[in-house]
C-alpha atoms as a PDB file:
ATOM      1  CA  MET A   1      28.444  26.844  -8.794  1.00  0.00           C
ATOM      2  CA  VAL A   2      29.192  24.933  -5.610  1.00  0.00           C
ATOM      3  CA  GLN A   3      27.409  21.710  -5.196  1.00  0.00           C
ATOM      4  CA  ASP A   4      25.376  21.502  -1.960  1.00  0.00           C
ATOM      5  CA  LEU A   5      26.603  18.247  -0.543  1.00  0.00           C
ATOM      6  CA  MET A   6      24.910  19.006   2.856  1.00  0.00           C
ATOM      7  CA  GLN A   7      21.457  19.502   1.143  1.00  0.00           C
ATOM      8  CA  TYR A   8      20.911  22.608   3.315  1.00  0.00           C
ATOM      9  CA  GLU A   9      17.742  23.584   1.434  1.00  0.00           C
ATOM     10  CA  GLN A  10      16.126  20.230   2.053  1.00  0.00           C
ATOM     11  CA  LEU A  11      17.143  20.404   5.719  1.00  0.00           C
ATOM     12  CA  VAL A  12      15.484  23.791   6.087  1.00  0.00           C
ATOM     13  CA  GLU A  13      12.341  22.508   4.435  1.00  0.00           C
ATOM     14  CA  ASP A  14      12.238  19.534   6.776  1.00  0.00           C
ATOM     15  CA  SER A  15      12.762  21.767   9.786  1.00  0.00           C
ATOM     16  CA  LEU A  16       9.924  24.149   8.759  1.00  0.00           C
ATOM     17  CA  ARG A  17       7.617  21.074   8.315  1.00  0.00           C
ATOM     18  CA  ASP A  18       8.548  20.061  11.838  1.00  0.00           C
ATOM     19  CA  VAL A  19       7.493  23.512  13.097  1.00  0.00           C
ATOM     20  CA  VAL A  20       4.148  23.162  11.387  1.00  0.00           C
ATOM     21  CA  ARG A  21       3.635  19.642  12.776  1.00  0.00           C
ATOM     22  CA  THR A  22       4.496  20.845  16.263  1.00  0.00           C
ATOM     23  CA  VAL A  23       2.250  23.842  16.158  1.00  0.00           C
ATOM     24  CA  LEU A  24      -0.672  21.829  14.681  1.00  0.00           C
ATOM     25  CA  THR A  25      -0.180  19.188  17.400  1.00  0.00           C
ATOM     26  CA  ARG A  26      -0.301  21.732  20.110  1.00  0.00           C
ATOM     27  CA  THR A  27      -3.344  23.191  18.521  1.00  0.00           C
ATOM     28  CA  ALA A  28      -5.130  19.840  18.336  1.00  0.00           C
ATOM     29  CA  LYS A  29      -4.584  19.353  22.068  1.00  0.00           C
ATOM     30  CA  GLU A  30      -5.032  22.914  23.441  1.00  0.00           C
ATOM     31  CA  GLY A  31      -6.967  24.744  20.748  1.00  0.00           C
ATOM     32  CA  LEU A  32      -5.936  28.017  19.232  1.00  0.00           C
ATOM     33  CA  LEU A  33      -4.208  30.299  21.806  1.00  0.00           C
ATOM     34  CA  GLY A  34      -5.411  33.846  22.028  1.00  0.00           C
ATOM     35  CA  GLU A  35      -6.198  35.330  18.676  1.00  0.00           C
ATOM     36  CA  HIS A  36      -3.880  32.997  16.743  1.00  0.00           C
ATOM     37  CA  HIS A  37      -4.840  31.795  13.335  1.00  0.00           C
ATOM     38  CA  PHE A  38      -2.929  29.929  10.579  1.00  0.00           C
ATOM     39  CA  TYR A  39      -2.837  30.270   6.877  1.00  0.00           C
ATOM     40  CA  ILE A  40      -1.699  27.006   5.214  1.00  0.00           C
ATOM     41  CA  GLY A  41      -0.883  26.826   1.492  1.00  0.00           C
ATOM     42  CA  PHE A  42      -0.615  23.458  -0.169  1.00  0.00           C
ATOM     43  CA  LYS A  43      -0.464  21.777  -3.567  1.00  0.00           C
ATOM     44  CA  THR A  44      -3.840  20.135  -4.274  1.00  0.00           C
ATOM     45  CA  ILE A  45      -2.149  17.995  -6.945  1.00  0.00           C
ATOM     46  CA  HIS A  46       0.414  16.545  -4.494  1.00  0.00           C
ATOM     47  CA  PRO A  47       0.225  12.737  -4.049  1.00  0.00           C
ATOM     48  CA  GLY A  48      -1.806  11.880  -0.933  1.00  0.00           C
ATOM     49  CA  VAL A  49      -3.816  15.068  -0.781  1.00  0.00           C
ATOM     50  CA  ASN A  50      -7.468  14.174  -0.197  1.00  0.00           C
ATOM     51  CA  ILE A  51      -9.936  16.933  -0.562  1.00  0.00           C
ATOM     52  CA  PRO A  52     -13.535  16.926  -1.871  1.00  0.00           C
ATOM     53  CA  ASP A  53     -13.879  16.899  -5.623  1.00  0.00           C
ATOM     54  CA  HIS A  54     -15.568  20.347  -5.841  1.00  0.00           C
ATOM     55  CA  LEU A  55     -12.653  21.903  -3.970  1.00  0.00           C
ATOM     56  CA  LYS A  56     -10.158  20.171  -6.249  1.00  0.00           C
ATOM     57  CA  ALA A  57     -12.028  21.529  -9.261  1.00  0.00           C
ATOM     58  CA  GLN A  58     -12.074  25.048  -7.780  1.00  0.00           C
ATOM     59  CA  TYR A  59      -8.348  24.865  -6.695  1.00  0.00           C
ATOM     60  CA  PRO A  60      -6.765  22.534  -9.284  1.00  0.00           C
ATOM     61  CA  GLU A  61      -3.221  23.241  -8.278  1.00  0.00           C
ATOM     62  CA  GLU A  62      -2.881  25.073  -5.044  1.00  0.00           C
ATOM     63  CA  MET A  63      -5.139  26.130  -2.198  1.00  0.00           C
ATOM     64  CA  THR A  64      -4.732  28.162   1.031  1.00  0.00           C
ATOM     65  CA  ILE A  65      -6.849  27.320   4.077  1.00  0.00           C
ATOM     66  CA  VAL A  66      -7.349  29.292   7.227  1.00  0.00           C
ATOM     67  CA  ILE A  67      -7.545  27.675  10.554  1.00  0.00           C
ATOM     68  CA  GLN A  68      -9.193  30.074  12.958  1.00  0.00           C
ATOM     69  CA  HIS A  69     -12.840  29.864  14.154  1.00  0.00           C
ATOM     70  CA  LYS A  70     -14.686  27.101  12.212  1.00  0.00           C
ATOM     71  CA  TYR A  71     -12.508  23.967  12.344  1.00  0.00           C
ATOM     72  CA  TRP A  72     -13.180  20.590  13.865  1.00  0.00           C
ATOM     73  CA  GLY A  73     -11.392  17.226  14.302  1.00  0.00           C
ATOM     74  CA  LEU A  74      -7.801  18.381  13.733  1.00  0.00           C
ATOM     75  CA  GLU A  75      -5.669  15.195  13.801  1.00  0.00           C
ATOM     76  CA  VAL A  76      -1.932  15.401  13.279  1.00  0.00           C
ATOM     77  CA  HIS A  77       0.012  12.358  12.026  1.00  0.00           C
ATOM     78  CA  GLN A  78       3.735  11.994  11.400  1.00  0.00           C
ATOM     79  CA  ASP A  79       3.456  12.774   7.681  1.00  0.00           C
ATOM     80  CA  ALA A  80       0.134  14.592   7.328  1.00  0.00           C
ATOM     81  CA  PHE A  81      -2.761  16.310   9.078  1.00  0.00           C
ATOM     82  CA  GLU A  82      -6.458  16.162   8.597  1.00  0.00           C
ATOM     83  CA  ILE A  83      -9.084  18.666   9.472  1.00  0.00           C
ATOM     84  CA  THR A  84     -12.738  19.511   8.890  1.00  0.00           C
ATOM     85  CA  LEU A  85     -13.295  23.086   7.698  1.00  0.00           C
ATOM     86  CA  SER A  86     -16.488  24.953   6.769  1.00  0.00           C
ATOM     87  CA  PHE A  87     -17.038  25.751   3.112  1.00  0.00           C
ATOM     88  CA  ASN A  88     -20.294  27.449   2.258  1.00  0.00           C
ATOM     89  CA  ASP A  89     -21.563  26.339   5.777  1.00  0.00           C
ATOM     90  CA  GLN A  90     -20.839  22.619   4.975  1.00  0.00           C
ATOM     91  CA  GLY A  91     -18.154  20.781   6.940  1.00  0.00           C
ATOM     92  CA  GLN A  92     -15.579  19.301   4.573  1.00  0.00           C
ATOM     93  CA  ARG A  93     -12.774  16.890   5.536  1.00  0.00           C
ATOM     94  CA  LEU A  94      -9.235  17.547   4.218  1.00  0.00           C
ATOM     95  CA  TYR A  95      -6.194  15.282   4.442  1.00  0.00           C
ATOM     96  CA  ILE A  96      -2.952  17.120   3.737  1.00  0.00           C
ATOM     97  CA  PRO A  97       0.526  15.652   3.756  1.00  0.00           C
ATOM     98  CA  PHE A  98       3.128  17.866   5.156  1.00  0.00           C
ATOM     99  CA  ALA A  99       5.182  17.413   1.946  1.00  0.00           C
ATOM    100  CA  ALA A 100       2.396  19.165   0.042  1.00  0.00           C
ATOM    101  CA  LEU A 101       2.763  22.409   2.074  1.00  0.00           C
ATOM    102  CA  THR A 102       3.865  25.560   0.246  1.00  0.00           C
ATOM    103  CA  ASP A 103       3.218  28.246   2.856  1.00  0.00           C
ATOM    104  CA  PHE A 104       2.600  28.639   6.521  1.00  0.00           C
END
């Protein structure tokens, strides 16, 4: 097997995280355009993830969120984003490092 000295897989992952960061930054400034919505999967056990305890208990390893109609306070940082989503009609704040993402 050939050794990947260029680390292409890591470069692709980093590029995809940049796409997510850019899209979320635009959404934070302009709102969702048209009928767009986003499904974002992430590891709840990843270091730095901060979600309410009841969600961590319900999703002990991985969780998928939908950003569509009921979201507030989307803030995008260099290494993470935070957002308030509605769960059972209760606003819950989530902090998710981009390194924790599994799907977009």
